[in-house]
């Protein structure tokens, strides 16, 4: 299957940064309960069919809202535990390039929005209907550690097993090859509590450290592996 075309044309006039770049440093573990939390939401939207899918929801440690477009037909709607609407944000849609004339108008939503700590769901609304929803908040992330597992008889791949991953939580994986001075994000929005490292992307004997950032969408926790050699 061919990869999705890169988004270029936009519904609106501004665009947010790539989600990977928002993990340059570890997020603040927990937001203060009386302050709104800046949240990065990445989603896909089909304007023709009024469909869409929320891909990632991650708190970010600083910055300002972005990707908001008052005239957009796509909304991010934030709701409380009881279903009360707390915020509604019309957001930019970056339409994919190289679409055939008869193809649906599909694109990427990449927005940073302020969210109340009372939020328990973020809905993607396209064409006036809820296309998808992501659970957020609730129990804070509490993963206690990351274990390295080497499968028997497997040349390429080291499995990392998280100690615990609660329902609705996702995690991102970063590697460091310079003793934690810099980190490279290799996966975001993961839900299964295991991740496989391809050894072929590192030189033989390379010392690697892994950092896992687990989030419930509003707060995050960080655990790191001990350094190990590939």
C-alpha atoms as a PDB file:
ATOM      1  CA  UNK A   1       0.000   0.000   0.000  1.00  0.00           C
ATOM      2  CA  UNK A   2       1.419   3.393  -0.909  1.00  0.00           C
ATOM      3  CA  UNK A   3       1.942   6.045   1.753  1.00  0.00           C
ATOM      4  CA  UNK A   4      -0.486   8.914   2.143  1.00  0.00           C
ATOM      5  CA  UNK A   5       0.538  12.008   0.185  1.00  0.00           C
ATOM      6  CA  UNK A   6       2.093  14.752   2.251  1.00  0.00           C
ATOM      7  CA  UNK A   7      -0.393  17.417   3.279  1.00  0.00           C
ATOM      8  CA  UNK A   8       0.104  20.764   1.571  1.00  0.00           C
ATOM      9  CA  UNK A   9      -3.103  22.554   0.688  1.00  0.00           C
ATOM     10  CA  UNK A  10      -4.901  23.732   3.806  1.00  0.00           C
ATOM     11  CA  UNK A  11      -8.356  24.609   5.030  1.00  0.00           C
ATOM     12  CA  UNK A  12      -7.256  27.829   6.761  1.00  0.00           C
ATOM     13  CA  UNK A  13      -4.040  29.788   6.721  1.00  0.00           C
ATOM     14  CA  UNK A  14      -1.713  28.431   9.393  1.00  0.00           C
ATOM     15  CA  UNK A  15      -0.130  25.073  10.114  1.00  0.00           C
ATOM     16  CA  UNK A  16       1.281  23.488  13.289  1.00  0.00           C
ATOM     17  CA  UNK A  17       4.577  21.632  13.646  1.00  0.00           C
ATOM     18  CA  UNK A  18       5.205  17.908  13.312  1.00  0.00           C
ATOM     19  CA  UNK A  19       4.020  15.904  16.344  1.00  0.00           C
ATOM     20  CA  UNK A  20       7.421  14.207  16.729  1.00  0.00           C
ATOM     21  CA  UNK A  21       9.121  17.524  17.427  1.00  0.00           C
ATOM     22  CA  UNK A  22       7.022  18.080  20.542  1.00  0.00           C
ATOM     23  CA  UNK A  23       8.980  15.420  22.409  1.00  0.00           C
ATOM     24  CA  UNK A  24      12.328  17.221  22.377  1.00  0.00           C
ATOM     25  CA  UNK A  25      12.238  17.083  26.165  1.00  0.00           C
ATOM     26  CA  UNK A  26      10.103  15.116  28.594  1.00  0.00           C
ATOM     27  CA  UNK A  27       6.673  16.589  29.397  1.00  0.00           C
ATOM     28  CA  UNK A  28       5.899  18.049  32.808  1.00  0.00           C
ATOM     29  CA  UNK A  29       4.657  15.034  34.829  1.00  0.00           C
ATOM     30  CA  UNK A  30       1.407  16.599  36.048  1.00  0.00           C
ATOM     31  CA  UNK A  31      -0.373  19.854  35.310  1.00  0.00           C
ATOM     32  CA  UNK A  32      -1.623  22.078  38.113  1.00  0.00           C
ATOM     33  CA  UNK A  33      -5.325  21.291  38.685  1.00  0.00           C
ATOM     34  CA  UNK A  34      -6.438  24.932  38.388  1.00  0.00           C
ATOM     35  CA  UNK A  35      -4.846  25.620  35.007  1.00  0.00           C
ATOM     36  CA  UNK A  36      -5.748  24.670  31.474  1.00  0.00           C
ATOM     37  CA  UNK A  37      -3.407  22.172  29.806  1.00  0.00           C
ATOM     38  CA  UNK A  38      -1.964  22.598  26.325  1.00  0.00           C
ATOM     39  CA  UNK A  39      -2.723  19.467  24.329  1.00  0.00           C
ATOM     40  CA  UNK A  40      -1.481  18.431  20.883  1.00  0.00           C
ATOM     41  CA  UNK A  41      -4.141  16.673  18.803  1.00  0.00           C
ATOM     42  CA  UNK A  42      -3.289  14.991  15.506  1.00  0.00           C
ATOM     43  CA  UNK A  43      -6.157  13.610  13.436  1.00  0.00           C
ATOM     44  CA  UNK A  44      -7.197  12.832   9.876  1.00  0.00           C
ATOM     45  CA  UNK A  45     -10.397  14.271   8.415  1.00  0.00           C
ATOM     46  CA  UNK A  46     -12.455  13.434   5.320  1.00  0.00           C
ATOM     47  CA  UNK A  47     -14.436  16.554   4.461  1.00  0.00           C
ATOM     48  CA  UNK A  48     -16.385  14.849   1.680  1.00  0.00           C
ATOM     49  CA  UNK A  49     -17.751  12.046   3.845  1.00  0.00           C
ATOM     50  CA  UNK A  50     -17.721  13.880   7.203  1.00  0.00           C
ATOM     51  CA  UNK A  51     -15.459  11.193   8.655  1.00  0.00           C
ATOM     52  CA  UNK A  52     -12.211  11.241  10.562  1.00  0.00           C
ATOM     53  CA  UNK A  53      -9.913   9.613  13.095  1.00  0.00           C
ATOM     54  CA  UNK A  54      -8.016  10.988  16.089  1.00  0.00           C
ATOM     55  CA  UNK A  55      -4.470   9.614  15.897  1.00  0.00           C
ATOM     56  CA  UNK A  56      -2.625  11.129  18.870  1.00  0.00           C
ATOM     57  CA  UNK A  57      -3.460  13.218  21.930  1.00  0.00           C
ATOM     58  CA  UNK A  58      -0.454  14.394  23.956  1.00  0.00           C
ATOM     59  CA  UNK A  59       0.089  17.144  26.542  1.00  0.00           C
ATOM     60  CA  UNK A  60       2.942  19.505  25.728  1.00  0.00           C
ATOM     61  CA  UNK A  61       5.152  21.308  28.263  1.00  0.00           C
ATOM     62  CA  UNK A  62       4.873  24.816  26.827  1.00  0.00           C
ATOM     63  CA  UNK A  63       4.056  26.996  23.876  1.00  0.00           C
ATOM     64  CA  UNK A  64       0.781  28.445  22.715  1.00  0.00           C
ATOM     65  CA  UNK A  65      -2.360  27.320  20.865  1.00  0.00           C
ATOM     66  CA  UNK A  66      -1.987  26.738  17.132  1.00  0.00           C
ATOM     67  CA  UNK A  67      -3.881  25.267  14.208  1.00  0.00           C
ATOM     68  CA  UNK A  68      -7.084  27.174  15.026  1.00  0.00           C
ATOM     69  CA  UNK A  69      -9.172  28.389  12.065  1.00  0.00           C
ATOM     70  CA  UNK A  70     -12.563  30.068  12.779  1.00  0.00           C
ATOM     71  CA  UNK A  71     -14.013  29.224   9.342  1.00  0.00           C
ATOM     72  CA  UNK A  72     -13.104  25.512   9.369  1.00  0.00           C
ATOM     73  CA  UNK A  73     -15.882  22.885   9.070  1.00  0.00           C
ATOM     74  CA  UNK A  74     -13.890  20.619  11.411  1.00  0.00           C
ATOM     75  CA  UNK A  75     -14.054  21.042  15.197  1.00  0.00           C
ATOM     76  CA  UNK A  76     -12.307  19.625  18.223  1.00  0.00           C
ATOM     77  CA  UNK A  77     -14.928  19.470  20.962  1.00  0.00           C
ATOM     78  CA  UNK A  78     -13.818  18.893  24.552  1.00  0.00           C
ATOM     79  CA  UNK A  79     -16.283  17.309  26.998  1.00  0.00           C
ATOM     80  CA  UNK A  80     -16.451  16.605  30.715  1.00  0.00           C
ATOM     81  CA  UNK A  81     -17.261  13.304  32.448  1.00  0.00           C
ATOM     82  CA  UNK A  82     -20.981  14.166  32.272  1.00  0.00           C
ATOM     83  CA  UNK A  83     -20.859  15.033  28.575  1.00  0.00           C
ATOM     84  CA  UNK A  84     -20.900  18.799  29.063  1.00  0.00           C
ATOM     85  CA  UNK A  85     -19.131  20.685  26.264  1.00  0.00           C
ATOM     86  CA  UNK A  86     -16.176  22.545  27.834  1.00  0.00           C
ATOM     87  CA  UNK A  87     -14.480  23.885  24.669  1.00  0.00           C
ATOM     88  CA  UNK A  88     -15.082  23.960  20.930  1.00  0.00           C
ATOM     89  CA  UNK A  89     -12.187  24.716  18.590  1.00  0.00           C
ATOM     90  CA  UNK A  90     -12.535  24.957  14.787  1.00  0.00           C
ATOM     91  CA  UNK A  91      -9.238  23.650  13.430  1.00  0.00           C
ATOM     92  CA  UNK A  92      -7.174  23.733  10.252  1.00  0.00           C
ATOM     93  CA  UNK A  93      -7.248  20.810   7.842  1.00  0.00           C
ATOM     94  CA  UNK A  94      -4.156  20.388   5.646  1.00  0.00           C
ATOM     95  CA  UNK A  95      -5.532  18.793   2.464  1.00  0.00           C
ATOM     96  CA  UNK A  96      -3.361  16.034   0.959  1.00  0.00           C
ATOM     97  CA  UNK A  97      -1.610  16.834  -2.291  1.00  0.00           C
ATOM     98  CA  UNK A  98      -1.858  14.867  -5.539  1.00  0.00           C
ATOM     99  CA  UNK A  99      -5.455  13.824  -4.992  1.00  0.00           C
ATOM    100  CA  UNK A 100      -7.328  12.752  -8.109  1.00  0.00           C
ATOM    101  CA  UNK A 101     -10.103  15.167  -9.185  1.00  0.00           C
ATOM    102  CA  UNK A 102     -12.781  12.664  -8.164  1.00  0.00           C
ATOM    103  CA  UNK A 103     -11.126  11.787  -4.824  1.00  0.00           C
ATOM    104  CA  UNK A 104     -12.522  12.732  -1.431  1.00  0.00           C
ATOM    105  CA  UNK A 105     -11.078  15.843   0.182  1.00  0.00           C
ATOM    106  CA  UNK A 106      -8.961  14.370   2.964  1.00  0.00           C
ATOM    107  CA  UNK A 107      -6.346  15.989   5.127  1.00  0.00           C
ATOM    108  CA  UNK A 108      -4.462  16.258   8.392  1.00  0.00           C
ATOM    109  CA  UNK A 109      -5.462  18.109  11.547  1.00  0.00           C
ATOM    110  CA  UNK A 110      -2.473  19.143  13.684  1.00  0.00           C
ATOM    111  CA  UNK A 111      -3.563  21.509  16.455  1.00  0.00           C
ATOM    112  CA  UNK A 112      -2.498  22.607  19.926  1.00  0.00           C
ATOM    113  CA  UNK A 113      -5.483  23.512  22.107  1.00  0.00           C
ATOM    114  CA  UNK A 114      -5.946  24.556  25.759  1.00  0.00           C
ATOM    115  CA  UNK A 115      -8.003  21.992  27.653  1.00  0.00           C
ATOM    116  CA  UNK A 116      -9.579  22.028  31.113  1.00  0.00           C
ATOM    117  CA  UNK A 117      -8.269  19.448  33.637  1.00  0.00           C
ATOM    118  CA  UNK A 118     -11.944  18.387  33.942  1.00  0.00           C
ATOM    119  CA  UNK A 119     -11.917  17.128  30.340  1.00  0.00           C
ATOM    120  CA  UNK A 120     -12.607  13.428  29.842  1.00  0.00           C
ATOM    121  CA  UNK A 121     -13.066  13.244  26.056  1.00  0.00           C
ATOM    122  CA  UNK A 122     -11.989  15.073  22.909  1.00  0.00           C
ATOM    123  CA  UNK A 123     -14.298  14.657  19.925  1.00  0.00           C
ATOM    124  CA  UNK A 124     -13.488  15.208  16.263  1.00  0.00           C
ATOM    125  CA  UNK A 125     -16.533  16.802  14.613  1.00  0.00           C
ATOM    126  CA  UNK A 126     -16.691  16.927  10.816  1.00  0.00           C
ATOM    127  CA  UNK A 127     -19.649  18.248   8.866  1.00  0.00           C
ATOM    128  CA  UNK A 128     -21.640  18.681  12.057  1.00  0.00           C
ATOM    129  CA  UNK A 129     -21.323  15.083  13.278  1.00  0.00           C
ATOM    130  CA  UNK A 130     -18.960  13.360  15.687  1.00  0.00           C
ATOM    131  CA  UNK A 131     -16.538  11.315  13.579  1.00  0.00           C
ATOM    132  CA  UNK A 132     -14.312  10.035  16.401  1.00  0.00           C
ATOM    133  CA  UNK A 133     -13.557  10.537  20.090  1.00  0.00           C
ATOM    134  CA  UNK A 134     -10.527  10.014  22.323  1.00  0.00           C
ATOM    135  CA  UNK A 135     -10.728   9.397  26.048  1.00  0.00           C
ATOM    136  CA  UNK A 136      -8.487  11.708  28.102  1.00  0.00           C
ATOM    137  CA  UNK A 137      -7.769  12.405  31.759  1.00  0.00           C
ATOM    138  CA  UNK A 138      -8.797  10.264  34.692  1.00  0.00           C
ATOM    139  CA  UNK A 139      -6.192   8.113  36.398  1.00  0.00           C
ATOM    140  CA  UNK A 140      -2.708   9.572  35.859  1.00  0.00           C
ATOM    141  CA  UNK A 141      -0.132   7.456  34.010  1.00  0.00           C
ATOM    142  CA  UNK A 142       1.621   5.114  36.409  1.00  0.00           C
ATOM    143  CA  UNK A 143       3.956   2.889  34.426  1.00  0.00           C
ATOM    144  CA  UNK A 144       6.643   1.784  36.849  1.00  0.00           C
ATOM    145  CA  UNK A 145       9.334   0.594  34.475  1.00  0.00           C
ATOM    146  CA  UNK A 146      10.470  -0.739  31.100  1.00  0.00           C
ATOM    147  CA  UNK A 147      11.896  -4.226  30.703  1.00  0.00           C
ATOM    148  CA  UNK A 148      14.121  -5.335  27.823  1.00  0.00           C
ATOM    149  CA  UNK A 149      13.155  -8.747  26.445  1.00  0.00           C
ATOM    150  CA  UNK A 150      15.344 -10.604  23.919  1.00  0.00           C
ATOM    151  CA  UNK A 151      13.250 -13.230  22.059  1.00  0.00           C
ATOM    152  CA  UNK A 152      14.892 -16.617  21.467  1.00  0.00           C
ATOM    153  CA  UNK A 153      16.179 -17.257  17.968  1.00  0.00           C
ATOM    154  CA  UNK A 154      15.470 -13.775  16.670  1.00  0.00           C
ATOM    155  CA  UNK A 155      18.260 -11.925  14.891  1.00  0.00           C
ATOM    156  CA  UNK A 156      16.601  -8.492  14.555  1.00  0.00           C
ATOM    157  CA  UNK A 157      14.505  -7.057  17.323  1.00  0.00           C
ATOM    158  CA  UNK A 158      14.520  -6.398  21.046  1.00  0.00           C
ATOM    159  CA  UNK A 159      11.133  -6.192  22.734  1.00  0.00           C
ATOM    160  CA  UNK A 160      10.464  -3.555  25.375  1.00  0.00           C
ATOM    161  CA  UNK A 161       7.689  -4.548  27.768  1.00  0.00           C
ATOM    162  CA  UNK A 162       5.986  -1.871  29.865  1.00  0.00           C
ATOM    163  CA  UNK A 163       5.142  -2.853  33.411  1.00  0.00           C
ATOM    164  CA  UNK A 164       1.540  -1.610  33.170  1.00  0.00           C
ATOM    165  CA  UNK A 165      -0.602   0.353  30.716  1.00  0.00           C
ATOM    166  CA  UNK A 166      -4.078   1.451  31.790  1.00  0.00           C
ATOM    167  CA  UNK A 167      -7.068   1.584  29.471  1.00  0.00           C
ATOM    168  CA  UNK A 168      -7.087   4.732  27.356  1.00  0.00           C
ATOM    169  CA  UNK A 169      -3.388   5.441  27.888  1.00  0.00           C
ATOM    170  CA  UNK A 170      -0.861   5.615  25.042  1.00  0.00           C
ATOM    171  CA  UNK A 171       2.894   5.853  24.971  1.00  0.00           C
ATOM    172  CA  UNK A 172       5.733   7.206  22.861  1.00  0.00           C
ATOM    173  CA  UNK A 173       9.227   5.758  22.489  1.00  0.00           C
ATOM    174  CA  UNK A 174      12.501   7.654  22.233  1.00  0.00           C
ATOM    175  CA  UNK A 175      16.101   6.478  21.780  1.00  0.00           C
ATOM    176  CA  UNK A 176      19.313   8.100  22.944  1.00  0.00           C
ATOM    177  CA  UNK A 177      22.782   7.082  21.762  1.00  0.00           C
ATOM    178  CA  UNK A 178      24.663   9.798  23.660  1.00  0.00           C
ATOM    179  CA  UNK A 179      23.871   8.903  27.293  1.00  0.00           C
ATOM    180  CA  UNK A 180      20.622  10.849  27.406  1.00  0.00           C
ATOM    181  CA  UNK A 181      21.891  14.207  26.139  1.00  0.00           C
ATOM    182  CA  UNK A 182      19.589  14.073  23.093  1.00  0.00           C
ATOM    183  CA  UNK A 183      16.551  11.945  22.292  1.00  0.00           C
ATOM    184  CA  UNK A 184      15.054  10.800  18.985  1.00  0.00           C
ATOM    185  CA  UNK A 185      11.315   9.988  18.834  1.00  0.00           C
ATOM    186  CA  UNK A 186      10.614   6.789  16.912  1.00  0.00           C
ATOM    187  CA  UNK A 187       6.972   6.045  17.779  1.00  0.00           C
ATOM    188  CA  UNK A 188       3.943   7.913  19.154  1.00  0.00           C
ATOM    189  CA  UNK A 189       0.376   6.977  20.097  1.00  0.00           C
ATOM    190  CA  UNK A 190       1.147   3.315  20.864  1.00  0.00           C
ATOM    191  CA  UNK A 191      -1.429   1.322  22.831  1.00  0.00           C
ATOM    192  CA  UNK A 192      -0.071  -2.202  23.185  1.00  0.00           C
ATOM    193  CA  UNK A 193       2.414  -2.387  26.102  1.00  0.00           C
ATOM    194  CA  UNK A 194       5.230  -3.770  23.931  1.00  0.00           C
ATOM    195  CA  UNK A 195       7.511  -2.223  21.326  1.00  0.00           C
ATOM    196  CA  UNK A 196      10.064  -3.934  19.100  1.00  0.00           C
ATOM    197  CA  UNK A 197      13.413  -2.302  18.338  1.00  0.00           C
ATOM    198  CA  UNK A 198      14.969  -3.149  14.992  1.00  0.00           C
ATOM    199  CA  UNK A 199      18.632  -3.763  15.793  1.00  0.00           C
ATOM    200  CA  UNK A 200      19.596  -3.101  12.169  1.00  0.00           C
ATOM    201  CA  UNK A 201      19.120   0.660  12.643  1.00  0.00           C
ATOM    202  CA  UNK A 202      22.077   0.752  15.062  1.00  0.00           C
ATOM    203  CA  UNK A 203      25.752  -0.147  14.573  1.00  0.00           C
ATOM    204  CA  UNK A 204      26.800  -3.378  16.272  1.00  0.00           C
ATOM    205  CA  UNK A 205      27.904  -2.655  19.828  1.00  0.00           C
ATOM    206  CA  UNK A 206      26.081   0.705  19.966  1.00  0.00           C
ATOM    207  CA  UNK A 207      25.036   1.669  23.492  1.00  0.00           C
ATOM    208  CA  UNK A 208      21.367   2.677  23.548  1.00  0.00           C
ATOM    209  CA  UNK A 209      19.019   4.028  26.180  1.00  0.00           C
ATOM    210  CA  UNK A 210      15.241   4.034  25.761  1.00  0.00           C
ATOM    211  CA  UNK A 211      12.782   6.543  27.208  1.00  0.00           C
ATOM    212  CA  UNK A 212       9.035   5.819  27.294  1.00  0.00           C
ATOM    213  CA  UNK A 213       6.545   8.655  27.787  1.00  0.00           C
ATOM    214  CA  UNK A 214       3.104   7.435  28.830  1.00  0.00           C
ATOM    215  CA  UNK A 215       0.086   9.751  28.729  1.00  0.00           C
ATOM    216  CA  UNK A 216      -3.632   9.853  29.399  1.00  0.00           C
ATOM    217  CA  UNK A 217      -3.880  12.857  27.079  1.00  0.00           C
ATOM    218  CA  UNK A 218      -3.667  15.451  29.872  1.00  0.00           C
ATOM    219  CA  UNK A 219      -0.688  14.355  31.971  1.00  0.00           C
ATOM    220  CA  UNK A 220       2.396  12.260  31.342  1.00  0.00           C
ATOM    221  CA  UNK A 221       4.944  10.131  33.143  1.00  0.00           C
ATOM    222  CA  UNK A 222       8.407   9.151  31.971  1.00  0.00           C
ATOM    223  CA  UNK A 223      10.387   5.948  32.552  1.00  0.00           C
ATOM    224  CA  UNK A 224      13.806   5.045  31.164  1.00  0.00           C
ATOM    225  CA  UNK A 225      15.629   1.803  30.567  1.00  0.00           C
ATOM    226  CA  UNK A 226      19.139   1.156  31.738  1.00  0.00           C
ATOM    227  CA  UNK A 227      21.710   1.669  28.942  1.00  0.00           C
ATOM    228  CA  UNK A 228      22.325  -1.524  26.943  1.00  0.00           C
ATOM    229  CA  UNK A 229      24.390  -2.533  23.919  1.00  0.00           C
ATOM    230  CA  UNK A 230      22.858  -3.642  20.625  1.00  0.00           C
END
